[in-house]
C-alpha cells in the first residue's frame, strides 16, 4: 500500500493519528479545566480516535476482500476460456487427422494446411487469453485505485477534524 511518491499510507495514518493525539493532549493540558474535566475530555478524544481507526481498518479490509474476489472471478473465467480453446484445438487436430487419413492428396500439402489452421487457433487462443488477463488486471487496478481514493478521503476527513480540534483549542486558549 505504498504510493509512487514514497509516502506509505500506513505511516501517514499513524503520523496523522499521533499528531492528532499530541495536538489534542496539548490543547487539553493548556486549557483552563479541572483535572476531572480534562481526563473526561482526553477519554472522549481517545474513544473518537479509536472509532475512526477501527472504521478505516474495516474499510481497508473490505476493499481488500473485494479486490481478491474480483481477481478470483477473473482467474476462473480465464481458466474456463483456456479450457474451451484447448477443446477447439483438440477438435481441429482430430479433424485434421481424419482429413489426412481420407484424402489421397500429398501428405505435405495436407499437413501444411492443418499446421496453419492449428497455428491460427493457437494464436487466437493466446490473444484471447492475453485480453482476458489485461481486463482482469485493469479491474483489479481500478478497485485498488478506488480503495486508495477512499482511504485518502478518510485521511483528509480525519486531518480536517484534527485541524478543527486544534483550531478550537487555540480559540479556547485565547479566551
Protein backbone atom coordinates (compact mmCIF):
# COMPACT_ATOMS: atom_id res chain seq x y z
CA UNK A 1 0.00 0.00 0.00
CA UNK A 2 2.78 2.46 -0.68
CA UNK A 3 2.37 5.07 -3.38
CA UNK A 4 4.85 6.00 -6.08
CA UNK A 5 5.57 9.28 -4.28
CA UNK A 6 7.26 7.39 -1.44
CA UNK A 7 4.58 8.01 1.18
CA UNK A 8 3.40 4.90 2.93
CA UNK A 9 -0.34 5.15 3.69
CA UNK A 10 0.09 3.29 6.96
CA UNK A 11 2.84 5.67 8.10
CA UNK A 12 0.74 8.66 7.04
CA UNK A 13 -2.25 7.43 9.03
CA UNK A 14 -0.11 6.68 12.07
CA UNK A 15 1.51 10.13 11.81
CA UNK A 16 -1.90 11.77 11.49
CA UNK A 17 -3.20 9.83 14.45
CA UNK A 18 -0.16 10.65 16.61
CA UNK A 19 -0.30 14.31 15.53
CA UNK A 20 -3.98 14.47 16.38
CA UNK A 21 -3.40 12.90 19.77
CA UNK A 22 -0.45 15.16 20.58
CA UNK A 23 -2.39 18.23 19.46
CA UNK A 24 -5.46 17.22 21.44
CA UNK A 25 -3.45 16.44 24.57
CA UNK A 26 -1.54 19.70 24.27
CA UNK A 27 -4.75 21.68 23.85
CA UNK A 28 -6.38 19.92 26.76
CA UNK A 29 -3.38 20.32 29.03
CA UNK A 30 -3.17 24.02 28.32
CA UNK A 31 -6.92 24.60 28.64
CA UNK A 32 -8.16 26.07 31.94
CA UNK A 33 -10.11 22.99 33.11
CA UNK A 34 -10.21 20.91 36.19
CA UNK A 35 -8.39 17.60 36.26
CA UNK A 36 -11.65 15.67 36.15
CA UNK A 37 -12.88 17.61 33.10
CA UNK A 38 -9.50 17.24 31.43
CA UNK A 39 -9.48 13.47 31.95
CA UNK A 40 -13.04 13.27 30.61
CA UNK A 41 -12.07 15.25 27.51
CA UNK A 42 -8.98 13.11 26.99
CA UNK A 43 -11.04 9.95 27.32
CA UNK A 44 -13.58 11.21 24.76
CA UNK A 45 -10.86 12.12 22.26
CA UNK A 46 -9.18 8.73 22.64
CA UNK A 47 -12.52 6.97 22.07
CA UNK A 48 -13.20 9.05 18.95
CA UNK A 49 -9.75 8.27 17.55
CA UNK A 50 -10.20 4.55 18.30
CA UNK A 51 -13.53 4.51 16.47
CA UNK A 52 -12.07 6.27 13.41
CA UNK A 53 -9.14 3.86 13.31
CA UNK A 54 -11.46 0.87 13.53
CA UNK A 55 -13.62 2.25 10.74
CA UNK A 56 -10.61 2.81 8.47
CA UNK A 57 -9.33 -0.67 9.20
CA UNK A 58 -12.72 -2.19 8.34
CA UNK A 59 -12.97 -0.24 5.08
CA UNK A 60 -9.47 -1.30 4.03
CA UNK A 61 -10.21 -4.94 4.94
CA UNK A 62 -13.48 -4.96 2.96
CA UNK A 63 -11.81 -3.40 -0.09
CA UNK A 64 -9.03 -5.99 0.08
CA UNK A 65 -11.60 -8.79 0.11
CA UNK A 66 -13.45 -7.22 -2.84
CA UNK A 67 -10.24 -6.96 -4.86
CA UNK A 68 -9.37 -10.58 -4.03
CA UNK A 69 -12.82 -11.76 -5.13
CA UNK A 70 -12.58 -9.87 -8.41
CA UNK A 71 -9.19 -11.46 -9.08
CA UNK A 72 -10.55 -14.95 -8.26
CA UNK A 73 -13.53 -14.45 -10.59
CA UNK A 74 -11.29 -13.27 -13.43
CA UNK A 75 -8.95 -16.22 -12.87
CA UNK A 76 -11.85 -18.68 -13.08
CA UNK A 77 -13.09 -17.03 -16.29
CA UNK A 78 -9.60 -17.21 -17.80
CA UNK A 79 -9.24 -20.89 -16.86
CA UNK A 80 -12.63 -21.68 -18.43
CA UNK A 81 -11.75 -19.75 -21.56
CA UNK A 82 -8.42 -21.55 -21.88
CA UNK A 83 -10.16 -24.92 -21.43
CA UNK A 84 -12.59 -24.09 -24.23
CA UNK A 85 -9.74 -23.20 -26.54
CA UNK A 86 -7.93 -26.44 -25.72
CA UNK A 87 -11.13 -28.26 -26.74
CA UNK A 88 -11.22 -26.30 -30.00
CA UNK A 89 -7.60 -27.13 -30.69
CA UNK A 90 -8.27 -30.81 -29.98
CA UNK A 91 -11.29 -30.80 -32.29
CA UNK A 92 -9.32 -29.13 -35.07
CA UNK A 93 -6.48 -31.60 -34.62
CA UNK A 94 -8.95 -34.51 -34.81
CA UNK A 95 -10.50 -33.09 -37.98
CA UNK A 96 -7.06 -32.66 -39.44
CA UNK A 97 -6.19 -36.29 -38.70
CA UNK A 98 -9.40 -37.55 -40.35
CA UNK A 99 -8.81 -35.32 -43.37
CA UNK A 100 -5.28 -36.60 -43.79
CA UNK A 101 -6.43 -40.22 -43.50
CA UNK A 102 -9.26 -39.86 -46.03
CA UNK A 103 -7.53 -37.79 -48.64
CA UNK A 104 -5.26 -39.15 -51.31
CA UNK A 105 -3.52 -35.86 -51.91
CA UNK A 106 0.00 -35.13 -50.99
CA UNK A 107 0.79 -35.62 -47.30
CA UNK A 108 2.87 -32.49 -47.34
CA UNK A 109 0.03 -30.24 -48.56
CA UNK A 110 -2.46 -31.66 -46.04
CA UNK A 111 -0.03 -31.37 -43.14
CA UNK A 112 0.80 -27.81 -44.11
CA UNK A 113 -2.88 -26.82 -44.17
CA UNK A 114 -3.51 -28.48 -40.81
CA UNK A 115 -0.50 -26.80 -39.28
CA UNK A 116 -1.74 -23.40 -40.45
CA UNK A 117 -5.23 -23.99 -39.01
CA UNK A 118 -3.78 -25.13 -35.68
CA UNK A 119 -1.43 -22.16 -35.61
CA UNK A 120 -4.31 -19.72 -36.17
CA UNK A 121 -6.43 -21.33 -33.44
CA UNK A 122 -3.49 -21.24 -31.04
CA UNK A 123 -2.80 -17.58 -31.90
CA UNK A 124 -6.45 -16.70 -31.36
CA UNK A 125 -6.42 -18.54 -28.02
CA UNK A 126 -3.29 -16.67 -26.98
CA UNK A 127 -4.75 -13.31 -27.98
CA UNK A 128 -7.98 -14.01 -26.11
CA UNK A 129 -6.10 -15.14 -23.03
CA UNK A 130 -3.92 -12.02 -23.14
CA UNK A 131 -7.01 -9.80 -23.49
CA UNK A 132 -8.78 -11.51 -20.57
CA UNK A 133 -5.67 -11.16 -18.41
CA UNK A 134 -5.39 -7.47 -19.28
CA UNK A 135 -9.06 -6.94 -18.43
CA UNK A 136 -8.57 -8.70 -15.09
CA UNK A 137 -5.51 -6.57 -14.37
CA UNK A 138 -7.42 -3.40 -15.24
CA UNK A 139 -10.34 -4.39 -12.99
CA UNK A 140 -8.01 -5.09 -10.07
CA UNK A 141 -6.18 -1.80 -10.68
CA UNK A 142 -9.48 0.12 -10.73
CA UNK A 143 -10.58 -1.50 -7.48
CA UNK A 144 -7.21 -0.70 -5.89
CA UNK A 145 -7.37 2.91 -7.10
CA UNK A 146 -10.88 3.23 -5.69
CA UNK A 147 -9.74 1.85 -2.33
CA UNK A 148 -6.75 4.20 -2.35
CA UNK A 149 -9.05 7.16 -3.04
CA UNK A 150 -11.40 6.16 -0.23
CA UNK A 151 -8.52 5.87 2.23
CA UNK A 152 -7.23 9.24 1.02
CA UNK A 153 -10.66 10.81 1.58
CA UNK A 154 -10.91 9.26 5.05
CA UNK A 155 -7.44 10.58 5.87
CA UNK A 156 -8.40 14.04 4.65
CA UNK A 157 -11.56 13.97 6.79
CA UNK A 158 -9.53 12.95 9.84
CA UNK A 159 -6.99 15.67 9.10
CA UNK A 160 -9.71 18.29 8.80
CA UNK A 161 -11.33 17.18 12.05
CA UNK A 162 -7.97 17.23 13.82
CA UNK A 163 -7.25 20.70 12.47
CA UNK A 164 -10.67 21.85 13.68
CA UNK A 165 -9.98 20.43 17.15
CA UNK A 166 -6.62 22.22 17.24
CA UNK A 167 -8.23 25.43 15.96
CA UNK A 168 -10.98 25.20 18.58
CA UNK A 169 -8.38 24.52 21.24
CA UNK A 170 -6.39 27.58 20.15
CA UNK A 171 -9.56 29.65 20.34
CA UNK A 172 -10.21 28.27 23.80
CA UNK A 173 -6.66 29.17 24.85
CA UNK A 174 -7.03 32.73 23.64
CA UNK A 175 -10.10 33.24 25.87
